[in-house]
Amino acid sequence: MIKKQKIVVGFDGSNHSKKAVKYVIDNFDRGSTIYLVYVEEMLTPLYLSNPSLFIDDSIIKKIREKTKKELKQQADMIKKKKFKVEYKYIEGYPPNQIINEAKRENANIIVVGSRGMGRWKGSVLGSVSQALTVISNIPLLIIK
């Protein structure tokens, strides 16, 4: 069992991010605090040349509501396992926002899944876990 820690877990709803949460629950002391962080790439209306293909404000609102509900459900599950948990939904570039949250909470470690890909598969920006390995100066654990 890994001693009491402040742990930031990057969560995007994917199976890989759920494995990261499970790893933390199974391997960290129950006195630890888990900061569950869901970072959504900036969602803006997108209108294409074909009027039937667009993402407008109402669709964005539905995506956000679903995401926040999923995030709360995950946090509630963690609480049932007797961990302290806080959760946040943030917009921005995921690697930077995860690091910002880890610094803000004075986290000991960041834990992420190896390949979540979030809601927007094939993102041009690439893998969050890969970017974190390059830019994080906080210890990082990637769960495969």
C-alpha atoms as a PDB file:
ATOM      1  CA  MET A   1       0.000   0.000   0.000  1.00  0.00           C
ATOM      2  CA  ILE A   2       1.378   3.415  -1.000  1.00  0.00           C
ATOM      3  CA  LYS A   3       1.279   5.860   1.926  1.00  0.00           C
ATOM      4  CA  LYS A   4      -1.122   8.784   2.245  1.00  0.00           C
ATOM      5  CA  GLN A   5      -0.794  11.063  -0.786  1.00  0.00           C
ATOM      6  CA  LYS A   6      -2.425  13.928  -2.651  1.00  0.00           C
ATOM      7  CA  ILE A   7      -3.180  12.394  -6.041  1.00  0.00           C
ATOM      8  CA  VAL A   8      -4.378  14.128  -9.199  1.00  0.00           C
ATOM      9  CA  VAL A   9      -6.075  11.663 -11.522  1.00  0.00           C
ATOM     10  CA  GLY A  10      -6.705  12.725 -15.099  1.00  0.00           C
ATOM     11  CA  PHE A  11     -10.137  11.368 -15.988  1.00  0.00           C
ATOM     12  CA  ASP A  12     -11.803  11.485 -19.395  1.00  0.00           C
ATOM     13  CA  GLY A  13     -14.393   8.749 -19.045  1.00  0.00           C
ATOM     14  CA  SER A  14     -12.412   6.240 -21.104  1.00  0.00           C
ATOM     15  CA  ASN A  15     -11.680   2.704 -19.917  1.00  0.00           C
ATOM     16  CA  HIS A  16      -8.018   3.668 -19.570  1.00  0.00           C
ATOM     17  CA  SER A  17      -8.835   6.528 -17.209  1.00  0.00           C
ATOM     18  CA  LYS A  18     -11.154   4.234 -15.225  1.00  0.00           C
ATOM     19  CA  LYS A  19      -8.227   1.800 -14.890  1.00  0.00           C
ATOM     20  CA  ALA A  20      -6.152   4.674 -13.489  1.00  0.00           C
ATOM     21  CA  VAL A  21      -8.835   5.379 -10.878  1.00  0.00           C
ATOM     22  CA  LYS A  22      -9.053   1.677 -10.004  1.00  0.00           C
ATOM     23  CA  TYR A  23      -5.259   1.477  -9.620  1.00  0.00           C
ATOM     24  CA  VAL A  24      -5.269   4.396  -7.204  1.00  0.00           C
ATOM     25  CA  ILE A  25      -8.125   2.884  -5.175  1.00  0.00           C
ATOM     26  CA  ASP A  26      -6.404  -0.508  -5.033  1.00  0.00           C
ATOM     27  CA  ASN A  27      -2.890   0.719  -4.242  1.00  0.00           C
ATOM     28  CA  PHE A  28      -2.984   3.984  -2.292  1.00  0.00           C
ATOM     29  CA  ASP A  29      -3.722   4.497   1.398  1.00  0.00           C
ATOM     30  CA  ARG A  30      -7.356   5.354   2.209  1.00  0.00           C
ATOM     31  CA  GLY A  31      -6.127   8.527   3.920  1.00  0.00           C
ATOM     32  CA  SER A  32      -5.119   9.877   0.517  1.00  0.00           C
ATOM     33  CA  THR A  33      -6.996  12.652  -1.222  1.00  0.00           C
ATOM     34  CA  ILE A  34      -7.906  12.116  -4.865  1.00  0.00           C
ATOM     35  CA  TYR A  35      -8.372  15.135  -7.101  1.00  0.00           C
ATOM     36  CA  LEU A  36     -10.318  13.863 -10.099  1.00  0.00           C
ATOM     37  CA  VAL A  37      -9.728  16.224 -13.027  1.00  0.00           C
ATOM     38  CA  TYR A  38     -11.657  16.153 -16.297  1.00  0.00           C
ATOM     39  CA  VAL A  39     -10.207  18.524 -18.876  1.00  0.00           C
ATOM     40  CA  GLU A  40     -12.185  19.111 -22.027  1.00  0.00           C
ATOM     41  CA  GLU A  41     -10.542  20.617 -25.057  1.00  0.00           C
ATOM     42  CA  MET A  42     -12.166  23.983 -25.653  1.00  0.00           C
ATOM     43  CA  LEU A  43     -15.609  23.341 -27.123  1.00  0.00           C
ATOM     44  CA  THR A  44     -16.732  25.962 -29.614  1.00  0.00           C
ATOM     45  CA  PRO A  45     -19.517  25.958 -32.212  1.00  0.00           C
ATOM     46  CA  LEU A  46     -18.375  24.433 -35.490  1.00  0.00           C
ATOM     47  CA  TYR A  47     -20.264  25.113 -38.680  1.00  0.00           C
ATOM     48  CA  LEU A  48     -19.220  23.236 -41.777  1.00  0.00           C
ATOM     49  CA  SER A  49     -20.161  23.752 -45.414  1.00  0.00           C
ATOM     50  CA  ASN A  50     -22.893  21.129 -45.026  1.00  0.00           C
ATOM     51  CA  PRO A  51     -25.597  22.631 -42.757  1.00  0.00           C
ATOM     52  CA  SER A  52     -26.540  19.171 -41.488  1.00  0.00           C
ATOM     53  CA  LEU A  53     -23.037  18.727 -40.036  1.00  0.00           C
ATOM     54  CA  PHE A  54     -22.520  21.126 -37.177  1.00  0.00           C
ATOM     55  CA  ILE A  55     -21.937  21.321 -33.470  1.00  0.00           C
ATOM     56  CA  ASP A  56     -23.863  24.214 -31.995  1.00  0.00           C
ATOM     57  CA  ASP A  57     -24.250  25.612 -28.496  1.00  0.00           C
ATOM     58  CA  SER A  58     -27.077  23.225 -27.556  1.00  0.00           C
ATOM     59  CA  ILE A  59     -24.983  20.172 -28.461  1.00  0.00           C
ATOM     60  CA  ILE A  60     -22.019  21.576 -26.551  1.00  0.00           C
ATOM     61  CA  LYS A  61     -24.272  22.123 -23.518  1.00  0.00           C
ATOM     62  CA  LYS A  62     -25.467  18.487 -23.679  1.00  0.00           C
ATOM     63  CA  ILE A  63     -21.883  17.215 -23.937  1.00  0.00           C
ATOM     64  CA  ARG A  64     -20.872  19.282 -20.902  1.00  0.00           C
ATOM     65  CA  GLU A  65     -23.865  18.117 -18.852  1.00  0.00           C
ATOM     66  CA  LYS A  66     -23.165  14.461 -19.663  1.00  0.00           C
ATOM     67  CA  THR A  67     -19.475  14.894 -18.861  1.00  0.00           C
ATOM     68  CA  LYS A  68     -20.152  16.570 -15.507  1.00  0.00           C
ATOM     69  CA  LYS A  69     -22.652  13.861 -14.579  1.00  0.00           C
ATOM     70  CA  GLU A  70     -20.118  11.126 -15.416  1.00  0.00           C
ATOM     71  CA  LEU A  71     -17.434  12.929 -13.423  1.00  0.00           C
ATOM     72  CA  LYS A  72     -19.705  13.202 -10.365  1.00  0.00           C
ATOM     73  CA  GLN A  73     -20.632   9.516 -10.612  1.00  0.00           C
ATOM     74  CA  GLN A  74     -16.956   8.565 -10.635  1.00  0.00           C
ATOM     75  CA  ALA A  75     -16.276  10.813  -7.631  1.00  0.00           C
ATOM     76  CA  ASP A  76     -19.216   9.280  -5.752  1.00  0.00           C
ATOM     77  CA  MET A  77     -17.828   5.794  -6.419  1.00  0.00           C
ATOM     78  CA  ILE A  78     -14.433   6.877  -5.044  1.00  0.00           C
ATOM     79  CA  LYS A  79     -16.096   8.290  -1.900  1.00  0.00           C
ATOM     80  CA  LYS A  80     -17.771   4.931  -1.291  1.00  0.00           C
ATOM     81  CA  LYS A  81     -14.262   3.417  -1.190  1.00  0.00           C
ATOM     82  CA  LYS A  82     -13.512   5.710   1.774  1.00  0.00           C
ATOM     83  CA  PHE A  83     -11.199   8.163  -0.005  1.00  0.00           C
ATOM     84  CA  LYS A  84     -11.399  11.915   0.233  1.00  0.00           C
ATOM     85  CA  VAL A  85     -12.225  13.140  -3.249  1.00  0.00           C
ATOM     86  CA  GLU A  86     -12.653  16.420  -5.037  1.00  0.00           C
ATOM     87  CA  TYR A  87     -13.488  16.758  -8.695  1.00  0.00           C
ATOM     88  CA  LYS A  88     -13.282  19.457 -11.332  1.00  0.00           C
ATOM     89  CA  TYR A  89     -14.407  19.964 -14.893  1.00  0.00           C
ATOM     90  CA  ILE A  90     -12.027  22.324 -16.684  1.00  0.00           C
ATOM     91  CA  GLU A  91     -11.694  23.506 -20.252  1.00  0.00           C
ATOM     92  CA  GLY A  92      -8.325  23.945 -21.908  1.00  0.00           C
ATOM     93  CA  TYR A  93      -5.312  21.966 -23.015  1.00  0.00           C
ATOM     94  CA  PRO A  94      -5.448  18.781 -20.872  1.00  0.00           C
ATOM     95  CA  PRO A  95      -1.736  18.318 -20.039  1.00  0.00           C
ATOM     96  CA  ASN A  96      -1.335  21.925 -18.915  1.00  0.00           C
ATOM     97  CA  GLN A  97      -4.558  21.961 -16.926  1.00  0.00           C
ATOM     98  CA  ILE A  98      -3.745  18.672 -15.181  1.00  0.00           C
ATOM     99  CA  ILE A  99      -0.339  20.039 -14.161  1.00  0.00           C
ATOM    100  CA  ASN A 100      -1.904  23.328 -13.021  1.00  0.00           C
ATOM    101  CA  GLU A 101      -4.337  21.428 -10.794  1.00  0.00           C
ATOM    102  CA  ALA A 102      -1.537  19.257  -9.406  1.00  0.00           C
ATOM    103  CA  LYS A 103       0.459  22.372  -8.516  1.00  0.00           C
ATOM    104  CA  ARG A 104      -2.595  24.142  -7.061  1.00  0.00           C
ATOM    105  CA  GLU A 105      -3.338  21.165  -4.788  1.00  0.00           C
ATOM    106  CA  ASN A 106       0.327  20.528  -4.000  1.00  0.00           C
ATOM    107  CA  ALA A 107      -0.119  16.966  -5.305  1.00  0.00           C
ATOM    108  CA  ASN A 108       2.515  14.303  -4.743  1.00  0.00           C
ATOM    109  CA  ILE A 109       1.715  12.465  -7.963  1.00  0.00           C
ATOM    110  CA  ILE A 110      -0.325  12.588 -11.178  1.00  0.00           C
ATOM    111  CA  VAL A 111      -1.976   9.366 -12.371  1.00  0.00           C
ATOM    112  CA  VAL A 112      -3.413   8.958 -15.877  1.00  0.00           C
ATOM    113  CA  GLY A 113      -4.445   6.177 -18.203  1.00  0.00           C
ATOM    114  CA  SER A 114      -2.157   5.324 -21.091  1.00  0.00           C
ATOM    115  CA  ARG A 115      -4.532   6.089 -23.921  1.00  0.00           C
ATOM    116  CA  GLY A 116      -7.840   7.746 -23.182  1.00  0.00           C
ATOM    117  CA  MET A 117      -8.317   9.835 -26.292  1.00  0.00           C
ATOM    118  CA  GLY A 118     -11.316  11.499 -24.663  1.00  0.00           C
ATOM    119  CA  ARG A 119     -14.427  12.347 -26.615  1.00  0.00           C
ATOM    120  CA  TRP A 120     -12.562  13.613 -29.665  1.00  0.00           C
ATOM    121  CA  LYS A 121     -10.583  10.608 -30.887  1.00  0.00           C
ATOM    122  CA  GLY A 122      -7.673  11.272 -33.177  1.00  0.00           C
ATOM    123  CA  SER A 123      -6.954  14.705 -31.770  1.00  0.00           C
ATOM    124  CA  VAL A 124      -4.214  16.541 -33.620  1.00  0.00           C
ATOM    125  CA  LEU A 125      -2.604  17.432 -30.292  1.00  0.00           C
ATOM    126  CA  GLY A 126      -1.732  13.834 -29.483  1.00  0.00           C
ATOM    127  CA  SER A 127      -1.766  11.828 -26.283  1.00  0.00           C
ATOM    128  CA  VAL A 128      -2.224  13.534 -22.934  1.00  0.00           C
ATOM    129  CA  SER A 129      -0.073  10.959 -21.144  1.00  0.00           C
ATOM    130  CA  GLN A 130       2.695  11.405 -23.702  1.00  0.00           C
ATOM    131  CA  ALA A 131       2.638  15.182 -23.319  1.00  0.00           C
ATOM    132  CA  LEU A 132       2.689  14.877 -19.524  1.00  0.00           C
ATOM    133  CA  THR A 133       5.876  12.787 -19.676  1.00  0.00           C
ATOM    134  CA  VAL A 134       7.554  15.687 -21.438  1.00  0.00           C
ATOM    135  CA  ILE A 135       6.254  18.702 -19.505  1.00  0.00           C
ATOM    136  CA  SER A 136       5.480  17.513 -15.963  1.00  0.00           C
ATOM    137  CA  ASN A 137       7.988  18.041 -13.181  1.00  0.00           C
ATOM    138  CA  ILE A 138       5.570  16.285 -10.785  1.00  0.00           C
ATOM    139  CA  PRO A 139       5.940  12.494 -10.515  1.00  0.00           C
ATOM    140  CA  LEU A 140       3.722  10.814 -13.093  1.00  0.00           C
ATOM    141  CA  LEU A 141       2.256   7.321 -13.088  1.00  0.00           C
ATOM    142  CA  ILE A 142       0.779   6.056 -16.375  1.00  0.00           C
ATOM    143  CA  ILE A 143      -1.527   3.069 -16.056  1.00  0.00           C
ATOM    144  CA  LYS A 144      -1.724   0.744 -19.024  1.00  0.00           C
END
